[in-house]
Amino acid sequence: MNDGAQALLWDASFPSLRLKGGGSRQFLHGQTSAAIQQAPDHQLIRSCWLTATGRVQALLEVRLDPEGADVLVLCGDAEAVLTGFDRVIFPADRVKITESGQRRRLQRLCPAHQPPQWDQEVLWLEGTSLPSDWESLNLANPDQLEHWRLNLGLPFSKQELNGDTNPLELGLGDWVSLDKGCYLGQETIAKLASRDGVKQKLRCWTVQPSEALATSPAIGDTLLHNGDRAGTITSAVQEGSSWRGLALIRRGALQQPSLELSTGSQAVRLHEPPAFQECGTAQTS
């Protein structure tokens, strides 16, 4: 996707959960990473569901209403989210949770290399008719969707969300609040953020067509710096005769403009993903 290209449309359905009851806000505030307690009704809230040690289990979109909340599982195992939430709900929480089926979700895939404006570019569709300003958008095919994801550096695959990574490594700082107090995984995230303790970070990589490849880059390939392990490829896609993707790069190699494939001497150029956000203040939109 080029900067001058028209925006495309990501149209897909995702599993969703329904929380009902007066304690829904407080429950989600304590179980996910976003500042939800004071968030306005009907506003899109992006949040992570973490383990107790701060590893990402799922990426969620939440919308609150006067009766409770809807939770869309954008990435991760919806059944695990339901089971995990249900396991820690007590009668005093005043919350009931159920599966609510698949929810149709639209997102404009704007071509500019900048972080998505989620509150403007994401729509949960009610009914079957698209809003008039969305009807002219061309539907993205799977290849276009993957190119968009990789160009921005969004960790929306099982290779990045593998149960071993935390939101600071993945650039999901705008999905996490450092100011809201206790929540599942908060202690680890707070320590990592305050001590700058992240050991690796997600980066975009490219191999240019002028650099003939002995072997094609693949998920799981090791990247080297001066012969030492410096990172691991997590996503890879071919664009003509060049390749691009995402990789988790060790802290000591983050300032390097390029690394080498362990399967050959080809230079793999690195840059920070446009969508990569360090952890900062709370977000609710």
Protein backbone atom coordinates (compact mmCIF):
# COMPACT_ATOMS: atom_id res chain seq x y z
CA MET A 1 0.00 0.00 0.00
CA ASN A 2 1.46 3.34 -1.08
CA ASP A 3 0.95 6.63 0.72
CA GLY A 4 -1.01 7.95 -2.24
CA ALA A 5 -3.32 4.97 -2.42
CA GLN A 6 -6.96 5.10 -1.47
CA ALA A 7 -7.89 3.71 1.93
CA LEU A 8 -9.08 0.11 1.96
CA LEU A 9 -11.62 -1.59 4.18
CA TRP A 10 -10.98 -4.37 6.67
CA ASP A 11 -14.33 -6.09 7.12
CA ALA A 12 -14.34 -9.06 9.50
CA SER A 13 -16.28 -10.59 12.37
CA PHE A 14 -14.79 -11.29 15.78
CA PRO A 15 -16.02 -13.15 18.89
CA SER A 16 -17.55 -10.93 21.52
CA LEU A 17 -18.62 -11.15 25.13
CA ARG A 18 -21.36 -9.35 26.99
CA LEU A 19 -20.91 -8.14 30.56
CA LYS A 20 -24.07 -7.04 32.30
CA GLY A 21 -24.50 -5.43 35.68
CA GLY A 22 -23.55 -2.38 37.69
CA GLY A 23 -20.08 -3.72 38.42
CA SER A 24 -19.02 -4.19 34.79
CA ARG A 25 -16.84 -1.08 34.66
CA GLN A 26 -15.02 -1.87 37.86
CA PHE A 27 -14.52 -5.49 36.88
CA LEU A 28 -13.01 -4.67 33.47
CA HIS A 29 -10.92 -1.93 35.05
CA GLY A 30 -9.32 -4.52 37.31
CA GLN A 31 -8.96 -7.29 34.74
CA THR A 32 -7.62 -5.40 31.72
CA SER A 33 -4.90 -2.84 31.07
CA ALA A 34 -6.91 0.25 30.05
CA ALA A 35 -8.37 2.98 32.27
CA ILE A 36 -12.02 1.97 32.06
CA GLN A 37 -13.55 3.12 35.34
CA GLN A 38 -14.12 6.73 34.23
CA ALA A 39 -14.40 6.16 30.47
CA PRO A 40 -17.46 7.57 28.67
CA ASP A 41 -20.22 5.27 27.49
CA HIS A 42 -20.07 4.09 23.86
CA GLN A 43 -16.44 5.12 23.34
CA LEU A 44 -14.04 2.59 21.82
CA ILE A 45 -11.48 1.49 24.41
CA ARG A 46 -8.47 -0.62 23.45
CA SER A 47 -7.14 -2.86 26.19
CA CYS A 48 -4.95 -5.90 26.80
CA TRP A 49 -5.83 -8.95 28.84
CA LEU A 50 -2.60 -9.94 30.54
CA THR A 51 -1.32 -12.77 32.65
CA ALA A 52 -0.33 -12.08 36.24
CA THR A 53 3.25 -11.68 34.96
CA GLY A 54 2.31 -9.08 32.34
CA ARG A 55 2.30 -11.29 29.21
CA VAL A 56 -0.33 -10.47 26.58
CA GLN A 57 -3.08 -13.08 26.31
CA ALA A 58 -5.54 -11.13 24.16
CA LEU A 59 -6.20 -7.75 22.60
CA LEU A 60 -9.66 -6.39 23.32
CA GLU A 61 -11.94 -3.60 22.24
CA VAL A 62 -14.45 -2.50 24.86
CA ARG A 63 -17.57 -0.38 24.67
CA LEU A 64 -19.43 0.57 27.82
CA ASP A 65 -23.13 1.37 28.15
CA PRO A 66 -25.44 2.06 31.11
CA GLU A 67 -26.29 -1.66 31.47
CA GLY A 68 -22.79 -3.11 31.16
CA ALA A 69 -20.18 -3.56 28.42
CA ASP A 70 -19.46 -5.35 25.17
CA VAL A 71 -15.98 -6.84 24.71
CA LEU A 72 -14.68 -7.73 21.25
CA VAL A 73 -11.72 -10.13 21.16
CA LEU A 74 -9.59 -8.69 18.37
CA CYS A 75 -6.70 -11.11 18.89
CA GLY A 76 -6.43 -14.11 21.18
CA ASP A 77 -8.59 -16.99 22.37
CA ALA A 78 -12.10 -15.74 23.13
CA GLU A 79 -12.96 -18.92 25.02
CA ALA A 80 -9.94 -18.38 27.26
CA VAL A 81 -11.00 -14.78 27.90
CA LEU A 82 -14.51 -15.91 28.83
CA THR A 83 -13.19 -18.65 31.11
CA GLY A 84 -10.62 -16.35 32.68
CA PHE A 85 -13.14 -13.62 33.39
CA ASP A 86 -15.76 -16.04 34.67
CA ARG A 87 -13.26 -17.67 37.03
CA VAL A 88 -12.68 -14.42 38.95
CA ILE A 89 -16.25 -13.08 39.03
CA PHE A 90 -17.80 -13.19 42.50
CA PRO A 91 -21.39 -12.33 43.50
CA ALA A 92 -20.19 -9.08 45.07
CA ASP A 93 -18.85 -7.94 41.70
CA ARG A 94 -22.43 -7.51 40.37
CA VAL A 95 -21.42 -8.81 36.93
CA LYS A 96 -22.72 -11.55 34.67
CA ILE A 97 -20.81 -12.57 31.55
CA THR A 98 -21.98 -14.44 28.47
CA GLU A 99 -20.82 -15.11 24.92
CA SER A 100 -22.64 -12.85 22.47
CA GLY A 101 -21.56 -14.41 19.18
CA GLN A 102 -19.67 -12.82 16.31
CA ARG A 103 -19.63 -9.05 15.93
CA ARG A 104 -18.96 -7.46 12.56
CA ARG A 105 -16.17 -4.91 12.71
CA LEU A 106 -14.99 -2.47 10.04
CA GLN A 107 -11.70 -0.60 9.92
CA ARG A 108 -10.36 1.87 7.38
CA LEU A 109 -6.85 0.89 6.35
CA CYS A 110 -5.50 4.37 5.76
CA PRO A 111 -2.30 4.26 3.69
CA ALA A 112 -0.36 6.97 5.53
CA HIS A 113 2.52 5.62 7.62
CA GLN A 114 1.19 6.81 10.94
CA PRO A 115 -0.53 5.15 13.90
CA PRO A 116 -4.19 4.34 13.21
CA GLN A 117 -6.76 6.74 14.62
CA TRP A 118 -8.85 4.01 16.18
CA ASP A 119 -11.74 6.19 17.31
CA GLN A 120 -12.17 7.48 13.72
CA GLU A 121 -11.21 4.39 11.73
CA VAL A 122 -13.01 1.55 13.56
CA LEU A 123 -16.74 0.86 13.43
CA TRP A 124 -18.76 -1.89 15.06
CA LEU A 125 -21.50 -2.43 12.53
CA GLU A 126 -25.09 -2.68 13.69
CA GLY A 127 -27.27 -4.28 11.02
CA THR A 128 -26.09 -4.99 7.48
CA SER A 129 -25.94 -1.56 5.81
CA LEU A 130 -22.65 0.32 5.67
CA PRO A 131 -22.61 4.06 6.44
CA SER A 132 -22.55 6.11 3.24
CA ASP A 133 -18.97 7.32 3.75
CA TRP A 134 -17.76 3.71 4.05
CA GLU A 135 -19.55 2.32 0.98
CA SER A 136 -16.94 3.58 -1.49
CA LEU A 137 -14.04 1.82 0.24
CA ASN A 138 -12.61 -1.20 -1.54
CA LEU A 139 -12.49 -4.39 0.49
CA ALA A 140 -8.93 -5.38 1.39
CA ASN A 141 -7.91 -8.90 0.43
CA PRO A 142 -5.82 -10.99 2.88
CA ASP A 143 -2.52 -9.98 1.21
CA GLN A 144 -3.37 -6.27 1.37
CA LEU A 145 -4.43 -6.62 4.99
CA GLU A 146 -1.17 -8.33 5.92
CA HIS A 147 0.92 -5.71 4.08
CA TRP A 148 -0.94 -2.94 5.95
CA ARG A 149 -0.35 -4.67 9.28
CA LEU A 150 3.35 -5.18 8.65
CA ASN A 151 3.92 -1.68 7.27
CA LEU A 152 2.52 -0.22 10.50
CA GLY A 153 4.03 -2.85 12.76
CA LEU A 154 0.82 -4.06 14.40
CA PRO A 155 1.41 -7.28 16.40
CA PHE A 156 -1.85 -8.94 15.37
CA SER A 157 -0.53 -12.45 14.75
CA LYS A 158 0.13 -15.53 16.86
CA GLN A 159 3.86 -15.11 16.24
CA GLU A 160 3.88 -11.78 18.13
CA LEU A 161 1.03 -12.59 20.51
CA ASN A 162 2.43 -15.93 21.57
CA GLY A 163 1.88 -15.75 25.31
CA ASP A 164 5.53 -14.84 25.94
CA THR A 165 5.51 -11.14 25.03
CA ASN A 166 4.41 -8.10 27.01
CA PRO A 167 2.76 -4.90 25.70
CA LEU A 168 5.91 -2.79 26.13
CA GLU A 169 7.86 -5.14 23.86
CA LEU A 170 5.11 -5.04 21.24
CA GLY A 171 4.63 -1.26 21.19
CA LEU A 172 1.15 -1.43 22.73
CA GLY A 173 1.79 1.45 25.11
CA ASP A 174 -1.43 3.17 24.06
CA TRP A 175 -3.37 0.04 25.05
CA VAL A 176 -2.04 0.26 28.63
CA SER A 177 -2.57 2.74 31.45
CA LEU A 178 0.23 3.31 33.93
CA ASP A 179 -1.91 5.62 36.07
CA LYS A 180 -5.01 3.66 36.95
CA GLY A 181 -3.81 1.52 39.83
CA CYS A 182 -4.08 -2.21 40.34
CA TYR A 183 -5.06 -4.60 37.55
CA LEU A 184 -4.05 -8.06 36.41
CA GLY A 185 -0.36 -7.90 35.42
CA GLN A 186 0.03 -4.30 36.62
CA GLU A 187 2.94 -4.93 38.98
CA THR A 188 5.16 -6.37 36.26
CA ILE A 189 4.23 -3.69 33.70
CA ALA A 190 4.88 -0.90 36.22
CA LYS A 191 8.31 -2.30 37.07
CA LEU A 192 9.29 -2.71 33.43
CA ALA A 193 8.14 0.80 32.56
CA SER A 194 9.73 2.55 35.53
CA ARG A 195 13.06 0.75 35.18
CA ASP A 196 13.14 0.67 31.37
CA GLY A 197 13.51 -3.06 31.81
CA VAL A 198 12.25 -4.35 28.46
CA LYS A 199 14.74 -6.82 26.98
CA GLN A 200 13.45 -6.73 23.39
CA LYS A 201 11.20 -4.62 21.17
CA LEU A 202 9.26 -5.11 17.97
CA ARG A 203 10.79 -3.68 14.79
CA CYS A 204 9.93 -3.62 11.10
CA TRP A 205 12.51 -5.12 8.77
CA THR A 206 13.12 -5.18 5.03
CA VAL A 207 15.44 -6.95 2.62
CA GLN A 208 15.82 -5.00 -0.62
CA PRO A 209 15.60 -6.65 -4.05
CA SER A 210 19.16 -5.61 -4.88
CA GLU A 211 20.35 -7.96 -2.15
CA ALA A 212 19.98 -11.41 -3.68
CA LEU A 213 18.77 -13.92 -1.12
CA ALA A 214 20.41 -17.29 -0.70
CA THR A 215 17.30 -18.41 1.20
CA SER A 216 13.99 -16.67 1.85
CA PRO A 217 13.47 -15.12 5.31
CA ALA A 218 11.05 -17.14 7.42
CA ILE A 219 9.25 -16.92 10.73
CA GLY A 220 11.56 -18.09 13.50
CA ASP A 221 14.79 -17.19 11.68
CA THR A 222 17.48 -15.69 13.87
CA LEU A 223 18.97 -12.26 13.18
CA LEU A 224 22.63 -11.69 14.04
CA HIS A 225 24.91 -8.78 14.91
CA ASN A 226 28.65 -9.50 14.72
CA GLY A 227 27.81 -13.19 14.86
CA ASP A 228 25.74 -12.91 18.05
CA ARG A 229 22.01 -13.53 18.31
CA ALA A 230 20.23 -10.17 18.07
CA GLY A 231 16.62 -11.00 17.30
CA THR A 232 14.00 -13.31 15.82
CA ILE A 233 11.73 -12.85 12.81
CA THR A 234 8.07 -13.09 13.81
CA SER A 235 6.35 -12.20 10.51
CA ALA A 236 7.54 -12.26 6.90
CA VAL A 237 5.95 -11.50 3.54
CA GLN A 238 7.32 -11.15 0.03
CA GLU A 239 6.73 -7.97 -1.98
CA GLY A 240 7.90 -8.59 -5.53
CA SER A 241 11.57 -9.45 -5.18
CA SER A 242 11.92 -7.86 -1.74
CA TRP A 243 10.83 -9.06 1.70
CA ARG A 244 9.49 -7.31 4.78
CA GLY A 245 8.10 -8.24 8.14
CA LEU A 246 8.36 -7.87 11.91
CA ALA A 247 10.99 -9.09 14.33
CA LEU A 248 11.63 -8.97 18.05
CA ILE A 249 15.02 -7.32 18.47
CA ARG A 250 17.15 -7.60 21.59
CA ARG A 251 17.79 -4.40 23.50
CA GLY A 252 21.50 -4.29 22.68
CA ALA A 253 20.82 -4.32 18.94
CA LEU A 254 17.95 -1.82 18.78
CA GLN A 255 20.18 1.02 17.58
CA GLN A 256 21.65 -0.99 14.74
CA PRO A 257 20.39 0.11 11.29
CA SER A 258 20.66 -3.45 10.02
CA LEU A 259 21.32 -7.03 11.11
CA GLU A 260 22.18 -10.21 9.24
CA LEU A 261 20.13 -13.30 8.56
CA SER A 262 21.54 -16.39 10.24
CA THR A 263 20.77 -18.32 7.04
CA GLY A 264 23.01 -16.04 4.97
CA SER A 265 24.93 -12.77 5.01
CA GLN A 266 22.08 -10.60 3.69
CA ALA A 267 21.55 -7.27 5.43
CA VAL A 268 18.16 -6.93 7.10
CA ARG A 269 17.32 -3.26 7.51
CA LEU A 270 15.42 -2.22 10.63
CA HIS A 271 13.17 0.68 11.57
CA GLU A 272 10.75 1.44 14.37
CA PRO A 273 7.15 0.61 13.41
CA PRO A 274 4.94 3.69 12.84
CA ALA A 275 2.33 2.20 15.21
CA PHE A 276 4.86 1.42 17.97
CA GLN A 277 3.90 3.33 21.12
CA GLU A 278 5.90 3.44 24.32
CA CYS A 279 3.91 3.19 27.55
CA GLY A 280 2.76 6.58 28.80
CA THR A 281 -0.43 8.01 30.18
CA ALA A 282 -3.80 6.30 30.25
CA GLN A 283 -5.84 6.10 27.06
CA THR A 284 -9.56 5.68 26.68
CA SER A 285 -10.10 6.27 22.98
